């Protein structure tokens, strides 16, 4: 069984390369419209706390957990001492503690996703909701996107899109009450910027890839990016994320 990914190596550049507080404020409305403001909510895998911060700005009371102490230090600087170091697969709460939990870009890096879902089910009250925004990306048909999708399929260790996540969730006692998509996000980067980021292992699923695997699976696609017409020119792409709402059955 693979281990969950600890994002401590990315703590110093994570917000800069993943959208920071602006990303949190863009995602938070999708969470807030699916949870109640008068109930405590757990951010399961809060990272640097950008989504939690945005939700507190919208009137929610948020506590959170994350594997990475380095990421949590940044979260605490944003929302205060409402965070604990813990794994989704071993939540430090009594059963039936929460009525609502969410995870944003988390479930694709959980080593034992079924166990993680089982733990969320355990700490939810009957009828409670778990809102998931998977980490795996849905790409548009731009040529750069085609290459990025191929890199994702070659190197990402776990697919957390609904087709895989929902059956796992149902097997531990959840019912899927919604599977949808968020509004598409727009990205502007040049192929050269993306190629350089790949070589620097900026994507989490490249951190543990050894050089021989990188050379075999990723380097050819880096070369494809640089071989595109005018690789220094900015290109605009759109990516989408699913949103899944799971309900704990009594």
Protein backbone atom coordinates (compact mmCIF):
# COMPACT_ATOMS: atom_id res chain seq x y z
CA UNK A 1 0.00 0.00 0.00
CA UNK A 2 1.45 3.35 -1.02
CA UNK A 3 1.81 6.12 1.56
CA UNK A 4 -0.14 9.35 1.54
CA UNK A 5 1.80 12.25 0.03
CA UNK A 6 3.24 14.73 2.52
CA UNK A 7 3.42 18.18 0.94
CA UNK A 8 6.12 19.60 3.22
CA UNK A 9 8.60 19.78 0.29
CA UNK A 10 6.17 22.15 -1.45
CA UNK A 11 5.32 24.42 1.49
CA UNK A 12 7.51 27.30 0.38
CA UNK A 13 6.26 27.41 -3.21
CA UNK A 14 2.82 25.82 -3.02
CA UNK A 15 0.71 28.99 -2.86
CA UNK A 16 2.75 30.73 -5.52
CA UNK A 17 2.30 27.87 -7.98
CA UNK A 18 -1.29 26.84 -7.07
CA UNK A 19 -3.06 30.20 -6.94
CA UNK A 20 -2.77 31.08 -3.25
CA UNK A 21 -5.60 32.94 -1.52
CA UNK A 22 -7.20 33.84 -4.85
CA UNK A 23 -7.67 30.12 -5.50
CA UNK A 24 -9.22 29.69 -2.08
CA UNK A 25 -11.71 32.46 -2.74
CA UNK A 26 -12.53 31.01 -6.15
CA UNK A 27 -13.25 27.54 -4.74
CA UNK A 28 -14.99 28.53 -1.49
CA UNK A 29 -18.38 29.38 -3.07
CA UNK A 30 -18.68 25.81 -4.34
CA UNK A 31 -18.19 24.57 -0.78
CA UNK A 32 -20.37 27.12 1.00
CA UNK A 33 -23.39 26.43 -1.20
CA UNK A 34 -23.21 22.76 -0.18
CA UNK A 35 -22.75 23.17 3.60
CA UNK A 36 -24.43 25.04 6.45
CA UNK A 37 -22.99 28.17 8.07
CA UNK A 38 -24.33 27.36 11.53
CA UNK A 39 -22.36 24.09 11.84
CA UNK A 40 -18.64 23.55 12.43
CA UNK A 41 -16.90 22.23 9.31
CA UNK A 42 -13.73 20.15 9.07
CA UNK A 43 -11.22 20.85 6.31
CA UNK A 44 -9.72 17.39 5.83
CA UNK A 45 -6.36 18.10 4.20
CA UNK A 46 -6.27 21.87 4.59
CA UNK A 47 -2.76 22.48 3.25
CA UNK A 48 -1.85 26.15 3.64
CA UNK A 49 -5.39 27.06 4.65
CA UNK A 50 -6.44 29.14 1.66
CA UNK A 51 -9.87 27.51 1.32
CA UNK A 52 -10.42 27.58 5.09
CA UNK A 53 -9.57 31.28 5.12
CA UNK A 54 -12.04 32.02 2.34
CA UNK A 55 -14.77 30.08 4.13
CA UNK A 56 -14.16 31.95 7.39
CA UNK A 57 -14.49 35.18 5.41
CA UNK A 58 -17.88 33.88 4.27
CA UNK A 59 -19.00 33.28 7.85
CA UNK A 60 -18.10 29.63 8.45
CA UNK A 61 -16.27 28.21 11.45
CA UNK A 62 -13.53 25.93 10.16
CA UNK A 63 -11.07 23.53 11.80
CA UNK A 64 -8.62 21.48 9.82
CA UNK A 65 -6.06 18.69 9.64
CA UNK A 66 -3.10 18.03 7.37
CA UNK A 67 -0.14 15.65 7.26
CA UNK A 68 2.41 18.42 6.72
CA UNK A 69 3.60 20.51 9.65
CA UNK A 70 5.17 22.97 7.20
CA UNK A 71 1.87 23.50 5.38
CA UNK A 72 -0.01 23.75 8.68
CA UNK A 73 2.23 26.56 9.90
CA UNK A 74 1.03 28.60 6.95
CA UNK A 75 -2.58 27.60 7.63
CA UNK A 76 -2.30 28.66 11.28
CA UNK A 77 -1.00 32.04 10.17
CA UNK A 78 -4.23 32.44 8.21
CA UNK A 79 -6.94 31.01 10.47
CA UNK A 80 -5.32 30.72 13.91
CA UNK A 81 -4.82 27.65 16.08
CA UNK A 82 -7.68 25.66 14.60
CA UNK A 83 -5.55 23.00 12.92
CA UNK A 84 -3.93 19.69 13.84
CA UNK A 85 -1.33 17.45 12.24
CA UNK A 86 -3.12 14.26 11.23
CA UNK A 87 -3.86 11.96 8.32
CA UNK A 88 -7.18 11.43 6.60
CA UNK A 89 -6.69 7.73 7.30
CA UNK A 90 -6.44 8.27 11.09
CA UNK A 91 -8.61 11.23 12.05
CA UNK A 92 -8.10 12.34 15.70
CA UNK A 93 -11.79 12.77 16.47
CA UNK A 94 -14.49 10.74 18.15
CA UNK A 95 -17.12 9.07 16.02
CA UNK A 96 -20.03 11.25 14.87
CA UNK A 97 -18.23 14.51 15.69
CA UNK A 98 -19.01 16.53 12.55
CA UNK A 99 -22.04 17.14 10.39
CA UNK A 100 -19.96 18.42 7.47
CA UNK A 101 -16.46 17.87 6.11
CA UNK A 102 -14.75 18.87 2.90
CA UNK A 103 -11.53 18.07 1.04
CA UNK A 104 -10.08 20.10 -1.82
CA UNK A 105 -7.34 18.55 -3.97
CA UNK A 106 -6.65 15.88 -1.32
CA UNK A 107 -8.15 12.50 -2.15
CA UNK A 108 -5.74 11.85 -5.04
CA UNK A 109 -2.77 11.81 -2.62
CA UNK A 110 -4.25 9.57 0.10
CA UNK A 111 -2.35 6.29 0.22
CA UNK A 112 -5.34 4.16 1.21
CA UNK A 113 -8.33 6.08 -0.09
CA UNK A 114 -10.90 3.53 1.05
CA UNK A 115 -9.56 3.76 4.60
CA UNK A 116 -9.61 7.56 4.39
CA UNK A 117 -13.22 7.53 3.25
CA UNK A 118 -14.06 5.10 6.04
CA UNK A 119 -12.52 7.47 8.59
CA UNK A 120 -14.50 10.41 7.25
CA UNK A 121 -17.63 8.27 7.42
CA UNK A 122 -16.81 7.39 11.05
CA UNK A 123 -16.44 10.98 12.27
CA UNK A 124 -19.52 12.22 10.40
CA UNK A 125 -22.91 12.21 12.06
CA UNK A 126 -25.65 10.19 10.30
CA UNK A 127 -26.86 12.29 7.40
CA UNK A 128 -23.64 14.32 7.44
CA UNK A 129 -22.03 15.51 4.23
CA UNK A 130 -18.55 15.13 2.77
CA UNK A 131 -17.85 17.55 -0.08
CA UNK A 132 -14.92 16.50 -2.27
CA UNK A 133 -13.19 18.44 -5.02
CA UNK A 134 -10.88 15.83 -6.55
CA UNK A 135 -7.29 16.58 -7.40
CA UNK A 136 -7.34 14.96 -10.82
CA UNK A 137 -7.88 17.50 -13.58
CA UNK A 138 -10.28 17.46 -16.53
CA UNK A 139 -8.51 19.10 -19.47
CA UNK A 140 -9.65 21.02 -22.53
CA UNK A 141 -8.58 20.09 -26.06
CA UNK A 142 -5.63 22.49 -26.38
CA UNK A 143 -2.44 20.78 -27.55
CA UNK A 144 -0.64 21.84 -24.35
CA UNK A 145 -3.51 20.35 -22.34
CA UNK A 146 -3.21 17.09 -24.25
CA UNK A 147 0.42 16.84 -23.19
CA UNK A 148 -0.38 17.74 -19.58
CA UNK A 149 -3.15 15.12 -19.48
CA UNK A 150 -0.72 12.52 -20.74
CA UNK A 151 1.79 13.47 -18.03
CA UNK A 152 -0.96 13.17 -15.42
CA UNK A 153 -1.98 9.73 -16.67
CA UNK A 154 1.63 8.49 -16.80
CA UNK A 155 2.74 9.68 -13.37
CA UNK A 156 -0.20 10.27 -10.99
CA UNK A 157 -0.50 7.32 -8.62
CA UNK A 158 -4.18 7.59 -7.75
CA UNK A 159 -7.25 8.62 -9.74
CA UNK A 160 -9.82 10.28 -7.47
CA UNK A 161 -12.38 11.23 -10.10
CA UNK A 162 -15.97 10.22 -9.46
CA UNK A 163 -15.73 7.03 -11.51
CA UNK A 164 -13.32 5.62 -8.90
CA UNK A 165 -14.15 7.58 -5.77
CA UNK A 166 -17.91 7.06 -5.68
CA UNK A 167 -17.81 3.22 -5.68
CA UNK A 168 -15.20 3.31 -2.91
CA UNK A 169 -17.34 5.72 -0.91
CA UNK A 170 -20.44 3.59 -1.36
CA UNK A 171 -18.52 0.55 -0.14
CA UNK A 172 -17.97 2.21 3.28
CA UNK A 173 -21.52 3.50 3.71
CA UNK A 174 -21.81 6.75 1.77
CA UNK A 175 -24.40 7.69 -0.82
CA UNK A 176 -23.39 10.04 -3.64
CA UNK A 177 -26.00 12.81 -3.73
CA UNK A 178 -24.21 14.99 -6.30
CA UNK A 179 -21.55 14.60 -8.97
CA UNK A 180 -20.94 17.77 -10.94
CA UNK A 181 -18.27 20.12 -12.23
CA UNK A 182 -16.97 23.46 -11.03
CA UNK A 183 -16.71 26.43 -13.34
CA UNK A 184 -13.67 26.05 -15.55
CA UNK A 185 -10.43 27.76 -14.49
CA UNK A 186 -8.33 29.70 -16.99
CA UNK A 187 -4.54 29.34 -17.10
CA UNK A 188 -2.00 31.40 -19.01
CA UNK A 189 1.48 29.93 -19.33
CA UNK A 190 3.90 29.40 -22.15
CA UNK A 191 4.89 25.84 -23.10
CA UNK A 192 8.43 26.76 -22.04
CA UNK A 193 7.25 27.81 -18.55
CA UNK A 194 5.40 24.52 -18.17
CA UNK A 195 8.38 22.52 -19.43
CA UNK A 196 10.69 24.28 -16.99
CA UNK A 197 8.28 23.62 -14.11
CA UNK A 198 8.15 19.94 -15.00
CA UNK A 199 11.94 19.72 -14.99
CA UNK A 200 11.93 21.33 -11.54
CA UNK A 201 9.44 18.64 -10.37
CA UNK A 202 6.82 21.24 -9.42
CA UNK A 203 4.02 18.67 -9.74
CA UNK A 204 3.59 16.54 -6.61
CA UNK A 205 3.53 13.28 -8.56
CA UNK A 206 6.99 14.00 -9.92
CA UNK A 207 8.70 14.41 -6.52
CA UNK A 208 9.28 10.68 -6.02
CA UNK A 209 9.88 9.84 -9.68
CA UNK A 210 13.48 8.77 -10.11
CA UNK A 211 15.54 10.10 -12.97
CA UNK A 212 15.24 6.98 -15.11
CA UNK A 213 11.43 7.02 -14.90
CA UNK A 214 11.37 10.77 -15.54
CA UNK A 215 13.56 10.29 -18.59
CA UNK A 216 11.29 7.55 -19.89
CA UNK A 217 7.83 8.94 -19.13
CA UNK A 218 8.11 12.71 -18.77
CA UNK A 219 11.15 13.97 -20.67
CA UNK A 220 9.68 13.05 -24.10
CA UNK A 221 6.60 15.14 -23.28
CA UNK A 222 8.78 18.02 -22.09
CA UNK A 223 10.45 17.91 -25.48
CA UNK A 224 7.02 17.93 -27.15
CA UNK A 225 6.13 21.10 -25.24
CA UNK A 226 9.31 22.80 -26.40
CA UNK A 227 8.74 21.63 -29.97
CA UNK A 228 5.38 23.40 -30.21
CA UNK A 229 5.25 26.51 -32.41
CA UNK A 230 6.52 29.59 -30.52
CA UNK A 231 7.04 27.86 -27.15
CA UNK A 232 7.80 31.16 -25.41
CA UNK A 233 4.37 32.59 -26.23
CA UNK A 234 1.64 32.54 -23.58
CA UNK A 235 -1.25 30.18 -24.29
CA UNK A 236 -4.66 30.19 -22.63
CA UNK A 237 -6.07 26.88 -21.43
CA UNK A 238 -9.11 25.90 -19.40
CA UNK A 239 -9.24 23.09 -16.86
CA UNK A 240 -12.17 21.73 -14.90
CA UNK A 241 -12.60 19.95 -11.58
CA UNK A 242 -15.39 17.72 -10.42
CA UNK A 243 -17.33 18.30 -7.22
CA UNK A 244 -18.72 15.26 -5.39
CA UNK A 245 -21.09 15.36 -2.44
CA UNK A 246 -21.29 12.23 -0.31
CA UNK A 247 -23.86 11.68 2.43
CA UNK A 248 -23.34 9.39 5.40
CA UNK A 249 -26.10 6.87 5.52
CA UNK A 250 -27.63 6.12 8.96
